[in-house]
N, C-alpha and C. Protein backbone atom coordinates (compact mmCIF):
# COMPACT_ATOMS: atom_id res chain seq x y z
N UNK A 1 22.10 -31.99 -125.74
CA UNK A 1 22.71 -30.78 -126.27
C UNK A 1 24.01 -31.19 -126.94
N UNK A 2 24.29 -30.54 -128.06
CA UNK A 2 25.50 -30.85 -128.78
C UNK A 2 26.27 -29.59 -129.13
N UNK A 3 27.38 -29.80 -129.78
CA UNK A 3 28.21 -28.69 -130.22
C UNK A 3 27.97 -28.43 -131.70
N UNK A 4 28.02 -27.17 -132.08
CA UNK A 4 27.85 -26.78 -133.47
C UNK A 4 29.06 -25.96 -133.87
N UNK A 5 29.71 -26.34 -134.96
CA UNK A 5 30.85 -25.58 -135.48
C UNK A 5 30.32 -24.40 -136.25
N UNK A 6 30.73 -23.21 -135.86
CA UNK A 6 30.30 -21.98 -136.52
C UNK A 6 31.54 -21.22 -136.97
N UNK A 7 31.52 -20.81 -138.21
CA UNK A 7 32.60 -20.02 -138.79
C UNK A 7 32.87 -18.79 -137.92
N UNK A 8 34.13 -18.40 -137.78
CA UNK A 8 34.49 -17.26 -136.93
C UNK A 8 33.81 -15.97 -137.36
N UNK A 9 33.67 -15.76 -138.66
CA UNK A 9 33.02 -14.54 -139.16
C UNK A 9 31.54 -14.53 -138.78
N UNK A 10 30.87 -15.67 -138.94
CA UNK A 10 29.45 -15.76 -138.55
C UNK A 10 29.30 -15.59 -137.05
N UNK A 11 30.22 -16.17 -136.28
CA UNK A 11 30.16 -16.04 -134.82
C UNK A 11 30.25 -14.57 -134.42
N UNK A 12 31.09 -13.82 -135.09
CA UNK A 12 31.21 -12.38 -134.79
C UNK A 12 29.91 -11.65 -135.12
N UNK A 13 29.26 -12.02 -136.22
CA UNK A 13 27.97 -11.40 -136.57
C UNK A 13 26.91 -11.75 -135.53
N UNK A 14 26.92 -12.98 -135.07
CA UNK A 14 25.98 -13.39 -134.02
C UNK A 14 26.23 -12.60 -132.75
N UNK A 15 27.51 -12.43 -132.40
CA UNK A 15 27.85 -11.66 -131.19
C UNK A 15 27.33 -10.23 -131.30
N UNK A 16 27.56 -9.60 -132.44
CA UNK A 16 27.09 -8.22 -132.63
C UNK A 16 25.57 -8.13 -132.57
N UNK A 17 24.90 -9.04 -133.26
CA UNK A 17 23.43 -9.03 -133.26
C UNK A 17 22.88 -9.31 -131.86
N UNK A 18 23.53 -10.19 -131.11
CA UNK A 18 23.05 -10.51 -129.77
C UNK A 18 23.09 -9.30 -128.85
N UNK A 19 24.06 -8.44 -129.05
CA UNK A 19 24.15 -7.21 -128.25
C UNK A 19 22.98 -6.29 -128.54
N UNK A 20 22.69 -6.13 -129.82
CA UNK A 20 21.59 -5.24 -130.23
C UNK A 20 20.25 -5.80 -129.75
N UNK A 21 20.08 -7.11 -129.87
CA UNK A 21 18.80 -7.74 -129.55
C UNK A 21 18.67 -8.13 -128.07
N UNK A 22 19.67 -7.80 -127.26
CA UNK A 22 19.66 -8.10 -125.82
C UNK A 22 19.47 -9.60 -125.56
N UNK A 23 20.18 -10.40 -126.35
CA UNK A 23 20.16 -11.86 -126.17
C UNK A 23 21.59 -12.32 -125.94
N UNK A 24 21.71 -13.50 -125.35
CA UNK A 24 23.04 -14.11 -125.27
C UNK A 24 23.43 -14.54 -126.69
N UNK A 25 24.71 -14.80 -126.88
CA UNK A 25 25.17 -15.27 -128.18
C UNK A 25 24.46 -16.57 -128.55
N UNK A 26 24.33 -17.48 -127.61
CA UNK A 26 23.65 -18.75 -127.88
C UNK A 26 22.18 -18.53 -128.21
N UNK A 27 21.51 -17.64 -127.48
CA UNK A 27 20.10 -17.38 -127.74
C UNK A 27 19.90 -16.76 -129.12
N UNK A 28 20.83 -15.88 -129.53
CA UNK A 28 20.72 -15.26 -130.85
C UNK A 28 20.90 -16.31 -131.94
N UNK A 29 21.89 -17.17 -131.78
CA UNK A 29 22.12 -18.24 -132.76
C UNK A 29 20.91 -19.17 -132.83
N UNK A 30 20.36 -19.52 -131.68
CA UNK A 30 19.18 -20.39 -131.64
C UNK A 30 17.99 -19.71 -132.32
N UNK A 31 17.81 -18.42 -132.09
CA UNK A 31 16.71 -17.68 -132.71
C UNK A 31 16.84 -17.72 -134.24
N UNK A 32 18.05 -17.42 -134.73
CA UNK A 32 18.26 -17.44 -136.18
C UNK A 32 18.05 -18.83 -136.76
N UNK A 33 18.48 -19.87 -136.05
CA UNK A 33 18.28 -21.23 -136.54
C UNK A 33 16.81 -21.60 -136.59
N UNK A 34 16.08 -21.21 -135.55
CA UNK A 34 14.65 -21.52 -135.51
C UNK A 34 13.90 -20.79 -136.61
N UNK A 35 14.18 -19.50 -136.79
CA UNK A 35 13.52 -18.73 -137.84
C UNK A 35 13.86 -19.32 -139.21
N UNK A 36 15.12 -19.68 -139.42
CA UNK A 36 15.52 -20.29 -140.68
C UNK A 36 14.81 -21.61 -140.94
N UNK A 37 14.68 -22.44 -139.91
CA UNK A 37 13.99 -23.71 -140.03
C UNK A 37 12.52 -23.50 -140.40
N UNK A 38 11.88 -22.54 -139.72
CA UNK A 38 10.48 -22.25 -140.01
C UNK A 38 10.30 -21.64 -141.40
N UNK A 39 11.24 -20.82 -141.83
CA UNK A 39 11.18 -20.22 -143.17
C UNK A 39 11.33 -21.29 -144.24
N UNK A 40 12.21 -22.25 -144.01
CA UNK A 40 12.36 -23.36 -144.98
C UNK A 40 11.11 -24.22 -145.03
N UNK A 41 10.45 -24.40 -143.89
CA UNK A 41 9.24 -25.22 -143.82
C UNK A 41 8.08 -24.58 -144.58
N UNK A 42 8.03 -23.24 -144.60
CA UNK A 42 6.97 -22.52 -145.32
C UNK A 42 7.55 -21.26 -145.94
N UNK A 43 8.14 -21.38 -147.14
CA UNK A 43 8.81 -20.24 -147.76
C UNK A 43 7.88 -19.11 -148.19
N UNK A 44 6.58 -19.30 -148.05
CA UNK A 44 5.65 -18.21 -148.39
C UNK A 44 5.50 -17.21 -147.25
N UNK A 45 5.94 -17.59 -146.05
CA UNK A 45 5.81 -16.71 -144.89
C UNK A 45 6.96 -15.71 -144.83
N UNK A 46 6.64 -14.48 -144.47
CA UNK A 46 7.68 -13.47 -144.25
C UNK A 46 8.23 -13.64 -142.83
N UNK A 47 9.33 -12.96 -142.56
CA UNK A 47 9.90 -12.97 -141.21
C UNK A 47 8.85 -12.51 -140.20
N UNK A 48 8.13 -11.45 -140.52
CA UNK A 48 7.12 -10.92 -139.60
C UNK A 48 5.98 -11.91 -139.40
N UNK A 49 5.58 -12.61 -140.45
CA UNK A 49 4.55 -13.65 -140.32
C UNK A 49 5.00 -14.75 -139.37
N UNK A 50 6.26 -15.16 -139.51
CA UNK A 50 6.80 -16.23 -138.67
C UNK A 50 6.83 -15.79 -137.20
N UNK A 51 7.33 -14.59 -136.94
CA UNK A 51 7.41 -14.09 -135.57
C UNK A 51 6.01 -13.94 -134.98
N UNK A 52 5.09 -13.40 -135.75
CA UNK A 52 3.71 -13.23 -135.26
C UNK A 52 3.10 -14.59 -134.93
N UNK A 53 3.28 -15.58 -135.79
CA UNK A 53 2.73 -16.91 -135.54
C UNK A 53 3.34 -17.53 -134.29
N UNK A 54 4.64 -17.34 -134.08
CA UNK A 54 5.30 -17.87 -132.90
C UNK A 54 4.80 -17.19 -131.62
N UNK A 55 4.60 -15.89 -131.68
CA UNK A 55 4.06 -15.17 -130.53
C UNK A 55 2.63 -15.63 -130.21
N UNK A 56 1.83 -15.80 -131.25
CA UNK A 56 0.46 -16.27 -131.04
C UNK A 56 0.46 -17.69 -130.47
N UNK A 57 1.36 -18.55 -130.95
CA UNK A 57 1.44 -19.92 -130.44
C UNK A 57 1.85 -19.94 -128.96
N UNK A 58 2.57 -18.90 -128.53
CA UNK A 58 2.98 -18.79 -127.12
C UNK A 58 1.96 -18.02 -126.30
N UNK A 59 0.79 -17.76 -126.89
CA UNK A 59 -0.29 -17.03 -126.20
C UNK A 59 0.13 -15.64 -125.75
N UNK A 60 0.96 -14.97 -126.55
CA UNK A 60 1.31 -13.59 -126.27
C UNK A 60 0.21 -12.72 -126.86
N UNK A 61 -0.35 -11.83 -126.05
CA UNK A 61 -1.44 -10.97 -126.49
C UNK A 61 -0.88 -9.84 -127.35
N UNK A 62 -1.13 -9.90 -128.63
CA UNK A 62 -0.60 -8.90 -129.55
C UNK A 62 -1.50 -7.69 -129.68
N UNK A 63 -2.77 -7.80 -129.29
CA UNK A 63 -3.71 -6.70 -129.42
C UNK A 63 -3.29 -5.48 -128.59
N UNK A 64 -2.84 -5.71 -127.36
CA UNK A 64 -2.44 -4.59 -126.51
C UNK A 64 -1.16 -3.94 -127.03
N UNK A 65 -0.30 -4.72 -127.65
CA UNK A 65 0.93 -4.16 -128.22
C UNK A 65 0.62 -3.27 -129.40
N UNK A 66 -0.37 -3.63 -130.19
CA UNK A 66 -0.76 -2.84 -131.35
C UNK A 66 -1.42 -1.52 -130.93
N UNK A 67 -2.09 -1.54 -129.79
CA UNK A 67 -2.78 -0.35 -129.31
C UNK A 67 -1.83 0.66 -128.71
N UNK A 68 -0.66 0.20 -128.27
CA UNK A 68 0.30 1.07 -127.60
C UNK A 68 0.99 2.02 -128.55
């Protein structure tokens, strides 16, 4: 594990987003970094495509969520 320098303004945005998304500040930053990395790897995928693929890779059953 290492340290990452984050601009104070970006850190504040991460803090605000983490509150809304019920994540820790670190978890929110990690989520955004992972989504950004995956988006760069395949720029044809939308945010929703990326999240859906990650949920499917984690064996999360999306069928019951769609039925609800």
